[in-house]
C-alpha cells in the first residue's frame, strides 16, 4: 500500500503516466515475488542439507562404533593366539 502512495506522489510530482508507474510497480512486485520464492527454495534446500548432514553424522558414528568393536575383537583374537602359542611353546620343551 505504501508503494502505491509513493507511486501516486511521484506521478503528481513528475507528471508521469499512471500506466508507466503501474508497470514499474508490477516489475518491482515480480522481482520481490521471485526473490521471496528463491529465498523459500534456498531455505528448503538448507533444511534438506541439514537433515542429510544429520543422517551422515549418525551413519559415521555407527561405522566408528562397528569398527571399534571389530578392532577389539581382532586384538582379543591376537592376544588369545599369542597366549596359546606361548603356552604350547613353554609346554613342549626340547
Protein backbone atom coordinates (compact mmCIF):
# COMPACT_ATOMS: atom_id res chain seq x y z
CA UNK A 1 0.00 0.00 0.00
CA UNK A 2 2.84 2.34 0.81
CA UNK A 3 4.32 1.68 -2.62
CA UNK A 4 1.07 2.82 -4.20
CA UNK A 5 1.09 6.01 -2.11
CA UNK A 6 4.68 6.69 -3.11
CA UNK A 7 3.81 6.00 -6.75
CA UNK A 8 0.93 8.45 -6.55
CA UNK A 9 3.22 11.13 -5.13
CA UNK A 10 5.79 10.54 -7.86
CA UNK A 11 3.11 10.78 -10.53
CA UNK A 12 1.87 14.04 -9.06
CA UNK A 13 5.38 15.47 -8.79
CA UNK A 14 6.85 14.28 -12.09
CA UNK A 15 3.75 14.13 -14.26
CA UNK A 16 4.43 10.54 -15.39
CA UNK A 17 1.57 8.49 -16.71
CA UNK A 18 -0.24 6.10 -14.44
CA UNK A 19 0.33 3.15 -16.79
CA UNK A 20 4.10 3.71 -16.76
CA UNK A 21 4.17 3.84 -12.96
CA UNK A 22 1.90 0.80 -12.65
CA UNK A 23 4.25 -1.14 -14.95
CA UNK A 24 7.23 -0.23 -12.74
CA UNK A 25 5.32 -1.36 -9.64
CA UNK A 26 4.45 -4.64 -11.35
CA UNK A 27 8.10 -5.22 -12.20
CA UNK A 28 9.09 -4.47 -8.60
CA UNK A 29 6.46 -6.84 -7.23
CA UNK A 30 7.54 -9.58 -9.64
CA UNK A 31 11.16 -9.25 -8.65
CA UNK A 32 10.16 -9.22 -4.98
CA UNK A 33 7.98 -12.25 -5.55
CA UNK A 34 10.79 -14.05 -7.36
CA UNK A 35 13.22 -13.13 -4.61
CA UNK A 36 10.84 -14.46 -1.95
CA UNK A 37 10.38 -17.66 -3.95
CA UNK A 38 14.13 -18.10 -4.30
CA UNK A 39 14.52 -17.41 -0.59
CA UNK A 40 11.96 -20.10 0.24
CA UNK A 41 13.69 -22.55 -2.10
CA UNK A 42 17.06 -21.82 -0.51
CA UNK A 43 15.61 -22.36 2.97
CA UNK A 44 14.08 -25.66 1.87
CA UNK A 45 17.41 -26.77 0.38
CA UNK A 46 19.18 -25.70 3.56
CA UNK A 47 16.81 -27.81 5.67
CA UNK A 48 17.31 -30.80 3.36
CA UNK A 49 21.09 -30.42 3.56
CA UNK A 50 20.97 -30.12 7.36
CA UNK A 51 18.86 -33.28 7.57
CA UNK A 52 21.22 -35.09 5.22
CA UNK A 53 24.16 -33.93 7.32
CA UNK A 54 22.49 -35.32 10.47
CA UNK A 55 21.90 -38.66 8.74
CA UNK A 56 25.53 -38.82 7.58
CA UNK A 57 26.74 -37.98 11.07
CA UNK A 58 24.67 -40.82 12.53
CA UNK A 59 25.97 -43.22 9.90
CA UNK A 60 29.54 -42.16 10.66
CA UNK A 61 29.02 -42.73 14.38
CA UNK A 62 27.57 -46.18 13.67
CA UNK A 63 30.50 -47.10 11.43
CA UNK A 64 33.00 -45.88 14.04
CA UNK A 65 31.28 -47.98 16.69
CA UNK A 66 31.31 -51.07 14.48
CA UNK A 67 34.95 -50.54 13.58
CA UNK A 68 35.89 -50.11 17.22
CA UNK A 69 34.17 -53.39 18.09
CA UNK A 70 35.94 -55.16 15.22
CA UNK A 71 39.32 -53.83 16.38
CA UNK A 72 38.61 -55.01 19.94
CA UNK A 73 37.71 -58.48 18.63
CA UNK A 74 40.87 -58.55 16.50
CA UNK A 75 43.08 -57.62 19.46
CA UNK A 76 41.35 -60.21 21.63
CA UNK A 77 41.95 -62.89 18.98
CA UNK A 78 45.60 -61.91 18.54
CA UNK A 79 46.14 -61.85 22.30
CA UNK A 80 44.48 -65.26 22.66
CA UNK A 81 46.60 -66.69 19.85
CA UNK A 82 49.74 -65.25 21.42
CA UNK A 83 48.84 -66.72 24.83
CA UNK A 84 48.17 -70.15 23.31
CA UNK A 85 51.40 -70.01 21.34
CA UNK A 86 53.40 -69.16 24.48
CA UNK A 87 51.60 -71.88 26.46
CA UNK A 88 52.37 -74.57 23.86
CA UNK A 89 55.90 -73.30 23.34
CA UNK A 90 56.64 -73.49 27.07
CA UNK A 91 54.99 -76.91 27.48
CA UNK A 92 56.76 -78.52 24.55
CA UNK A 93 60.31 -78.40 25.76
CA UNK A 94 63.30 -79.71 23.81
